[in-house]
Every structure is written in structure tokens, then in C-alpha cells.
N, C-alpha and C. Protein backbone atom coordinates (compact mmCIF):
# COMPACT_ATOMS: atom_id res chain seq x y z
N MET A 1 -1.12 176.10 24.65
CA MET A 1 -0.89 176.75 25.84
C MET A 1 -1.82 178.21 25.77
N LYS A 2 -2.68 178.69 26.46
CA LYS A 2 -3.26 179.88 26.46
C LYS A 2 -2.70 180.88 27.41
N LYS A 3 -2.29 181.98 26.90
CA LYS A 3 -1.62 183.10 27.57
C LYS A 3 -2.68 183.86 28.19
N ILE A 4 -2.52 184.21 29.61
CA ILE A 4 -3.90 185.11 30.04
C ILE A 4 -3.08 186.21 30.74
N THR A 5 -3.99 187.45 30.89
CA THR A 5 -3.67 188.56 31.56
C THR A 5 -4.46 188.46 32.67
N ILE A 6 -4.23 188.77 33.68
CA ILE A 6 -5.29 188.91 34.99
C ILE A 6 -5.25 190.30 35.36
N LEU A 7 -6.36 190.95 35.21
CA LEU A 7 -6.56 192.37 35.87
C LEU A 7 -7.13 192.44 37.15
N GLY A 8 -6.48 193.10 38.26
CA GLY A 8 -6.97 193.02 39.49
C GLY A 8 -6.57 191.74 40.31
N VAL A 9 -5.40 191.54 40.03
CA VAL A 9 -4.69 190.07 40.54
C VAL A 9 -4.84 189.95 42.12
N THR A 10 -4.77 190.90 42.79
CA THR A 10 -5.15 190.69 44.38
C THR A 10 -6.25 190.84 44.85
N GLY A 11 -7.42 190.98 43.88
CA GLY A 11 -8.76 191.10 44.34
C GLY A 11 -9.27 189.48 44.65
N SER A 12 -10.65 189.53 44.91
CA SER A 12 -11.21 188.14 45.14
C SER A 12 -11.23 187.41 43.82
N ILE A 13 -11.61 187.91 42.79
CA ILE A 13 -11.82 187.11 41.51
C ILE A 13 -10.49 186.93 41.09
N GLY A 14 -9.51 187.92 41.28
CA GLY A 14 -8.21 187.70 40.63
C GLY A 14 -7.48 186.44 41.35
N THR A 15 -7.54 186.62 42.54
CA THR A 15 -6.87 185.30 43.33
C THR A 15 -7.48 184.15 43.27
N GLN A 16 -8.74 183.93 42.88
CA GLN A 16 -9.54 182.83 42.53
C GLN A 16 -8.91 182.16 41.03
N SER A 17 -8.81 183.32 40.35
CA SER A 17 -8.20 182.91 38.91
C SER A 17 -6.97 182.50 38.99
N VAL A 18 -6.31 182.97 39.75
CA VAL A 18 -4.68 182.52 39.92
C VAL A 18 -4.85 181.04 40.29
N ASP A 19 -5.54 180.88 41.43
CA ASP A 19 -5.65 179.34 41.72
C ASP A 19 -6.26 178.34 40.91
N VAL A 20 -7.00 178.78 39.87
CA VAL A 20 -7.59 177.85 38.89
C VAL A 20 -6.59 177.84 37.90
N ILE A 21 -5.74 178.58 37.63
CA ILE A 21 -4.73 178.73 36.52
C ILE A 21 -3.41 177.65 37.05
N ARG A 22 -3.26 178.00 38.33
CA ARG A 22 -1.96 177.18 38.88
C ARG A 22 -2.39 175.69 39.03
N HIS A 23 -3.53 175.47 39.04
CA HIS A 23 -4.22 173.92 39.12
C HIS A 23 -4.23 173.28 37.39
N HIS A 24 -4.12 174.24 36.60
CA HIS A 24 -4.07 173.92 35.17
C HIS A 24 -2.80 174.48 34.42
N SER A 25 -1.92 174.43 35.08
CA SER A 25 -0.57 175.14 34.24
C SER A 25 -0.15 174.67 33.26
N ASP A 26 -0.52 173.49 32.84
CA ASP A 26 -0.36 172.66 31.36
C ASP A 26 -1.23 173.40 30.59
N GLU A 27 -2.34 174.06 30.74
CA GLU A 27 -3.14 174.45 29.86
C GLU A 27 -2.99 175.88 29.71
N PHE A 28 -2.60 176.96 30.75
CA PHE A 28 -2.70 178.49 30.72
C PHE A 28 -1.33 178.96 31.51
N GLU A 29 -1.06 180.22 30.74
CA GLU A 29 0.00 180.65 31.38
C GLU A 29 -0.25 182.28 31.78
N ILE A 30 0.01 182.67 32.91
CA ILE A 30 -0.13 184.09 33.10
C ILE A 30 0.94 184.85 32.70
N VAL A 31 0.82 185.70 31.55
CA VAL A 31 1.76 186.57 31.00
C VAL A 31 2.01 187.86 31.65
N ALA A 32 0.91 188.30 32.04
CA ALA A 32 0.81 189.81 32.75
C ALA A 32 -0.29 189.86 33.79
N MET A 33 0.13 190.63 34.82
CA MET A 33 -0.89 190.91 35.82
C MET A 33 -0.98 192.47 36.28
N SER A 34 -2.03 192.92 36.64
CA SER A 34 -2.16 194.16 37.20
C SER A 34 -2.66 194.13 38.63
N ALA A 35 -2.45 195.32 39.21
CA ALA A 35 -2.87 195.24 40.78
C ALA A 35 -3.09 196.73 41.11
N GLY A 36 -3.89 197.02 42.02
CA GLY A 36 -4.27 198.34 42.41
C GLY A 36 -3.25 198.79 43.60
N LYS A 37 -3.55 198.71 44.73
CA LYS A 37 -2.44 199.27 45.79
C LYS A 37 -2.08 198.13 46.91
N ASN A 38 -2.30 197.06 46.45
CA ASN A 38 -2.02 195.82 47.51
C ASN A 38 -0.90 195.16 46.96
N ILE A 39 0.26 196.00 47.08
CA ILE A 39 1.57 195.44 46.76
C ILE A 39 1.97 194.17 47.69
N ASP A 40 1.61 194.23 48.84
CA ASP A 40 1.94 193.02 49.62
C ASP A 40 1.35 191.82 49.12
N GLY A 41 0.22 191.89 48.62
CA GLY A 41 -0.54 190.67 48.00
C GLY A 41 -0.14 190.50 46.47
N LEU A 42 0.58 191.50 45.68
CA LEU A 42 0.96 191.39 44.44
C LEU A 42 2.26 190.49 44.77
N GLU A 43 3.21 190.98 45.72
CA GLU A 43 4.18 190.25 45.85
C GLU A 43 4.11 188.87 46.25
N LYS A 44 3.13 188.64 47.13
CA LYS A 44 2.69 187.10 47.61
C LYS A 44 2.57 186.53 46.35
N ILE A 45 1.51 186.97 45.41
CA ILE A 45 1.45 186.00 44.01
C ILE A 45 2.42 185.84 43.50
N MET A 46 3.49 186.76 43.18
CA MET A 46 4.76 186.82 42.41
C MET A 46 5.69 185.62 43.07
N ARG A 47 5.35 185.24 44.35
CA ARG A 47 6.44 183.99 44.68
C ARG A 47 6.00 182.82 43.77
N TYR A 48 5.00 182.70 43.50
CA TYR A 48 4.62 181.36 42.74
C TYR A 48 4.14 181.53 41.43
N ILE A 49 4.13 182.77 40.92
CA ILE A 49 3.41 182.83 39.57
C ILE A 49 4.67 183.93 39.03
N HIS A 50 5.22 183.54 38.04
CA HIS A 50 6.41 184.26 37.28
C HIS A 50 6.00 184.69 36.01
N THR A 51 5.69 186.21 36.05
CA THR A 51 5.44 186.64 34.82
C THR A 51 6.29 187.98 34.42
N SER A 52 6.29 188.20 33.29
CA SER A 52 7.18 189.34 32.81
C SER A 52 6.56 190.62 32.70
N TYR A 53 5.39 190.67 32.91
CA TYR A 53 4.79 192.26 32.84
C TYR A 53 3.61 192.43 34.24
N ILE A 54 4.17 193.40 34.51
CA ILE A 54 3.14 193.78 35.76
C ILE A 54 2.68 195.32 35.58
N CYS A 55 1.33 195.54 35.84
CA CYS A 55 0.98 197.03 35.61
C CYS A 55 0.49 197.30 37.02
N GLU A 56 1.08 198.37 37.38
CA GLU A 56 0.72 199.06 38.87
C GLU A 56 0.15 200.44 38.73
N SER A 57 -0.76 200.87 39.30
CA SER A 57 -1.18 202.23 39.25
C SER A 57 -0.61 203.41 39.84
N GLU A 58 0.13 203.16 41.18
CA GLU A 58 0.66 203.98 41.86
C GLU A 58 2.22 204.08 41.34
N LYS A 59 2.74 205.47 41.11
CA LYS A 59 4.29 205.80 40.71
C LYS A 59 5.23 205.28 41.78
N GLU A 60 4.98 205.19 42.82
CA GLU A 60 5.86 204.73 43.95
C GLU A 60 5.94 203.49 43.84
N ASP A 61 5.03 202.83 43.81
CA ASP A 61 4.88 201.25 43.77
C ASP A 61 5.49 200.63 42.57
N GLN A 62 5.13 201.65 41.63
CA GLN A 62 6.04 201.08 40.13
C GLN A 62 7.57 201.10 40.33
N GLU A 63 7.97 202.27 40.84
CA GLU A 63 9.49 202.27 41.04
C GLU A 63 9.77 201.36 41.88
N TYR A 64 9.36 201.16 43.35
CA TYR A 64 9.70 200.18 43.94
C TYR A 64 9.81 198.76 43.44
N LEU A 65 8.86 198.38 42.79
CA LEU A 65 8.64 196.97 42.00
C LEU A 65 9.97 197.11 40.92
N GLN A 66 10.25 198.29 40.09
CA GLN A 66 11.34 198.02 39.10
C GLN A 66 12.78 197.87 39.78
N ARG A 67 12.64 198.54 41.05
CA ARG A 67 14.07 198.30 41.75
C ARG A 67 14.12 196.98 42.30
N LYS A 68 13.27 196.29 42.60
CA LYS A 68 13.20 195.03 43.46
C LYS A 68 13.35 193.99 42.28
N TYR A 69 12.72 194.24 41.24
CA TYR A 69 12.45 193.01 40.06
C TYR A 69 13.03 193.55 38.83
N LYS A 70 14.25 193.40 38.52
CA LYS A 70 14.87 194.09 37.63
C LYS A 70 14.35 193.52 36.30
N ASP A 71 14.01 192.15 36.21
CA ASP A 71 13.60 191.42 34.90
C ASP A 71 12.23 191.75 34.64
N LEU A 72 11.34 192.41 35.45
CA LEU A 72 9.96 192.46 34.86
C LEU A 72 9.94 193.93 33.96
N THR A 73 8.60 193.98 33.40
CA THR A 73 8.42 195.27 32.67
C THR A 73 7.25 195.60 33.48
N ILE A 74 7.54 196.74 33.97
CA ILE A 74 6.34 197.46 34.85
C ILE A 74 5.98 198.53 33.93
């Protein structure tokens, strides 16, 4: 199993990467994701991709995610 970090997970290439990895979940695991300012898009992806690490650039978004998802490392 290859462990993957996706930078810019809510962008065009990031969402395409997520789709490919979802279809090959026996070979790949997303262990970390980063997102810019698209928290809605990030949360949508988080519904079906479970990861332990999220990198978020905006302080207020980091705090929001930490409050809502206590098990994540932000």
C-alpha cells in the first residue's frame, strides 16, 4: 500500500487524483491533504476520504476544522 499526500486537494488536479485513488483503494491510501480556501470542497472530500492530517492555510479555517474534527491533526 502506497501512502499519498495530496497538495491542493480541492483543485482540478487534486480532485482528479482523489478519484483515481478511490478507484484503486487497494493500492493507495491518502494520509494527508492540503487545501487553500475551499473549506466546503475540502469537507465534501472528507466525507469519503478519511485521513489523519489536514493542512489548511487560513488560521480561522484551521480552528474551525479542529473544533469540528477532533480526531484530525491540523
